[in-house]
């Protein structure tokens, strides 16, 4: 399987970068190919432009400003996102990735009668998120209702790809974790992706 792995963290020596590296290595050892898109490393601009917003309902929608990344997404069979959760949400650069790359004619089509959108990422069969959060699991799940998981699974994956295999692996309480827990989490990630 060819997988687009999207890393969203400003620090090249972050734990997220370690997660991406561990996952990539395990995937490649299992025979998969991985295209690593480091949003900060590749200086991705997350800002939706004036022209992109004004042309949102144009057919065809103009993706020329981000055509290289669109092509990488369209060439993939799987998508793995690697990012920290900040304020119970995506880093801004990852939100911008969705805004600019998951565009009309790429991730979905507008239904001609209006209202619904029609999934278009038929090439994507696997949609995973490998993430961390500074909060304990009970705050994320019980108090906040696991907003990132809901957004990814119900609001992005389900609307853009049909019958996609979704999974999210999270290290909670990251701000208070020790090296032993971080190593155990990296091994958990390796074991999970080896089963893809």
Protein backbone atom coordinates (compact mmCIF):
# COMPACT_ATOMS: atom_id res chain seq x y z
CA UNK A 1 0.00 0.00 0.00
CA UNK A 2 1.21 3.53 -0.76
CA UNK A 3 0.68 5.80 2.24
CA UNK A 4 0.80 9.56 2.51
CA UNK A 5 1.99 10.40 6.02
CA UNK A 6 1.32 13.99 7.07
CA UNK A 7 3.40 15.33 9.96
CA UNK A 8 2.22 18.54 11.65
CA UNK A 9 4.67 19.74 14.29
CA UNK A 10 7.02 22.75 14.18
CA UNK A 11 9.91 21.01 15.97
CA UNK A 12 12.01 18.57 13.97
CA UNK A 13 13.02 16.77 17.20
CA UNK A 14 9.48 16.54 18.59
CA UNK A 15 7.85 13.37 19.88
CA UNK A 16 5.47 13.62 16.92
CA UNK A 17 8.49 13.40 14.62
CA UNK A 18 9.62 10.30 16.55
CA UNK A 19 6.16 8.77 16.09
CA UNK A 20 6.25 9.51 12.35
CA UNK A 21 9.73 7.99 12.06
CA UNK A 22 8.76 4.83 13.98
CA UNK A 23 5.57 4.39 11.94
CA UNK A 24 7.33 4.99 8.64
CA UNK A 25 10.09 2.52 9.44
CA UNK A 26 7.61 -0.19 10.47
CA UNK A 27 5.48 0.39 7.38
CA UNK A 28 8.44 0.21 5.04
CA UNK A 29 9.70 -2.96 6.74
CA UNK A 30 6.26 -4.45 6.04
CA UNK A 31 6.57 -3.65 2.33
CA UNK A 32 4.52 -0.45 2.16
CA UNK A 33 5.77 2.74 0.53
CA UNK A 34 5.52 5.99 2.50
CA UNK A 35 5.47 9.56 1.21
CA UNK A 36 6.25 11.79 4.21
CA UNK A 37 4.71 15.25 3.95
CA UNK A 38 6.23 17.34 6.74
CA UNK A 39 3.98 20.41 6.63
CA UNK A 40 6.44 22.64 8.51
CA UNK A 41 9.51 21.14 6.84
CA UNK A 42 8.03 21.77 3.39
CA UNK A 43 6.88 25.28 4.42
CA UNK A 44 3.21 24.57 3.66
CA UNK A 45 1.07 27.72 3.79
CA UNK A 46 -2.17 26.81 5.59
CA UNK A 47 -3.97 30.01 4.66
CA UNK A 48 -6.85 29.65 2.23
CA UNK A 49 -6.29 32.34 -0.39
CA UNK A 50 -8.82 34.90 -1.57
CA UNK A 51 -9.01 33.19 -4.97
CA UNK A 52 -9.47 29.74 -3.42
CA UNK A 53 -12.36 30.90 -1.25
CA UNK A 54 -14.08 32.91 -3.98
CA UNK A 55 -13.85 29.96 -6.37
CA UNK A 56 -15.02 27.33 -3.88
CA UNK A 57 -18.09 26.43 -5.96
CA UNK A 58 -16.42 26.77 -9.36
CA UNK A 59 -16.29 23.66 -11.51
CA UNK A 60 -13.51 22.79 -11.86
CA UNK A 61 -12.13 24.21 -8.62
CA UNK A 62 -8.65 25.67 -9.07
CA UNK A 63 -6.08 23.72 -7.01
CA UNK A 64 -3.09 24.93 -9.01
CA UNK A 65 -1.50 26.63 -5.97
CA UNK A 66 -1.33 23.29 -4.13
CA UNK A 67 -1.33 20.90 -7.10
CA UNK A 68 1.80 19.05 -5.98
CA UNK A 69 0.29 18.09 -2.61
CA UNK A 70 -3.08 17.28 -4.20
CA UNK A 71 -1.26 14.89 -6.55
CA UNK A 72 0.46 13.23 -3.58
CA UNK A 73 -2.92 12.72 -1.86
CA UNK A 74 -4.49 11.35 -5.03
CA UNK A 75 -1.59 8.90 -5.47
CA UNK A 76 -2.03 7.48 -1.96
CA UNK A 77 -4.06 4.48 -0.87
CA UNK A 78 -3.74 5.34 2.80
CA UNK A 79 -3.48 8.53 4.83
CA UNK A 80 -1.78 8.69 8.22
CA UNK A 81 -1.79 11.97 10.14
CA UNK A 82 0.79 12.53 12.89
CA UNK A 83 0.17 15.55 15.13
CA UNK A 84 -0.28 16.81 18.68
CA UNK A 85 -3.69 17.94 19.89
CA UNK A 86 -3.57 21.54 21.06
CA UNK A 87 -6.60 23.04 22.80
CA UNK A 88 -8.50 19.84 21.93
CA UNK A 89 -8.02 20.49 18.23
CA UNK A 90 -5.61 20.23 15.30
CA UNK A 91 -2.53 22.39 14.99
CA UNK A 92 -3.46 25.32 12.73
CA UNK A 93 -1.21 24.07 9.93
CA UNK A 94 -3.11 20.75 9.81
CA UNK A 95 -6.46 22.56 9.74
CA UNK A 96 -5.10 24.53 6.80
CA UNK A 97 -4.10 21.27 5.11
CA UNK A 98 -7.74 20.17 5.25
CA UNK A 99 -8.99 23.60 4.12
CA UNK A 100 -6.70 23.79 1.10
CA UNK A 101 -6.08 20.17 0.06
CA UNK A 102 -9.39 18.50 0.92
CA UNK A 103 -10.99 20.73 -1.67
CA UNK A 104 -13.92 20.41 -4.08
CA UNK A 105 -13.03 18.12 -6.95
CA UNK A 106 -10.31 16.52 -4.82
CA UNK A 107 -11.82 15.18 -1.57
CA UNK A 108 -15.48 15.65 -2.51
CA UNK A 109 -17.87 17.05 -5.07
CA UNK A 110 -20.71 19.40 -4.32
CA UNK A 111 -24.03 17.73 -5.06
CA UNK A 112 -25.57 19.61 -7.96
CA UNK A 113 -28.86 20.17 -6.13
CA UNK A 114 -26.99 21.66 -3.18
CA UNK A 115 -26.56 20.62 0.43
CA UNK A 116 -24.76 17.29 0.50
CA UNK A 117 -21.25 16.57 -0.59
CA UNK A 118 -20.25 13.44 -2.46
CA UNK A 119 -17.06 11.62 -1.39
CA UNK A 120 -14.33 11.64 -3.99
CA UNK A 121 -11.24 10.18 -2.28
CA UNK A 122 -12.05 6.69 -3.51
CA UNK A 123 -8.33 5.91 -3.57
CA UNK A 124 -8.05 6.22 0.23
CA UNK A 125 -8.80 2.93 1.98
CA UNK A 126 -7.06 3.65 5.28
CA UNK A 127 -7.28 6.83 7.38
CA UNK A 128 -5.32 6.86 10.64
CA UNK A 129 -4.31 9.49 13.16
CA UNK A 130 -1.30 9.08 15.45
CA UNK A 131 -1.57 11.80 18.03
CA UNK A 132 -0.76 13.04 21.51
CA UNK A 133 -2.58 15.24 23.98
CA UNK A 134 -1.47 16.91 27.19
CA UNK A 135 -4.74 16.03 28.89
CA UNK A 136 -5.61 12.78 30.68
CA UNK A 137 -7.83 10.36 28.75
CA UNK A 138 -10.88 11.09 30.91
CA UNK A 139 -10.75 14.82 30.16
CA UNK A 140 -10.50 14.17 26.43
CA UNK A 141 -13.14 11.44 26.29
CA UNK A 142 -15.58 12.12 29.12
CA UNK A 143 -15.43 15.89 29.58
CA UNK A 144 -14.66 17.04 26.01
CA UNK A 145 -16.31 14.18 24.08
CA UNK A 146 -13.16 13.34 22.07
CA UNK A 147 -13.58 16.21 19.58
CA UNK A 148 -10.57 15.44 17.36
CA UNK A 149 -11.65 11.83 16.87
CA UNK A 150 -15.20 12.93 16.05
CA UNK A 151 -14.00 15.55 13.56
CA UNK A 152 -11.67 13.13 11.81
CA UNK A 153 -13.93 10.08 11.73
CA UNK A 154 -17.36 11.64 11.22
CA UNK A 155 -16.53 15.00 9.70
CA UNK A 156 -13.62 14.32 7.36
CA UNK A 157 -13.05 10.61 6.68
CA UNK A 158 -16.73 9.71 6.31
CA UNK A 159 -17.53 12.68 4.09
CA UNK A 160 -14.53 12.31 1.80
CA UNK A 161 -13.90 8.56 1.46
CA UNK A 162 -16.27 5.59 1.38
CA UNK A 163 -15.70 2.48 3.48
CA UNK A 164 -12.42 3.82 4.80
CA UNK A 165 -10.66 2.03 7.67
CA UNK A 166 -10.35 4.62 10.44
CA UNK A 167 -8.17 4.33 13.53
CA UNK A 168 -6.77 6.80 16.04
CA UNK A 169 -3.93 6.01 18.43
CA UNK A 170 -3.36 8.61 21.14
CA UNK A 171 -0.84 9.07 23.91
CA UNK A 172 -2.74 10.93 26.64
CA UNK A 173 -1.25 13.02 29.44
CA UNK A 174 1.79 13.75 27.25
CA UNK A 175 2.91 16.69 29.39
CA UNK A 176 3.48 14.40 32.37
CA UNK A 177 4.70 11.28 30.64
CA UNK A 178 8.15 9.78 31.16
CA UNK A 179 10.62 8.16 28.79
CA UNK A 180 9.35 4.66 29.59
CA UNK A 181 5.78 5.56 28.56
CA UNK A 182 6.97 7.34 25.43
CA UNK A 183 9.03 4.30 24.38
CA UNK A 184 6.06 2.03 25.08
CA UNK A 185 3.85 4.24 22.94
CA UNK A 186 6.33 4.14 20.06
CA UNK A 187 6.29 0.35 20.24
CA UNK A 188 2.48 0.37 20.30
CA UNK A 189 2.51 2.46 17.11
CA UNK A 190 5.04 0.12 15.46
CA UNK A 191 2.97 -2.95 16.32
CA UNK A 192 -0.25 -1.34 15.06
CA UNK A 193 1.10 -0.22 11.70
CA UNK A 194 2.79 -3.58 11.10
CA UNK A 195 -0.73 -5.06 10.96
CA UNK A 196 -1.75 -2.80 8.05
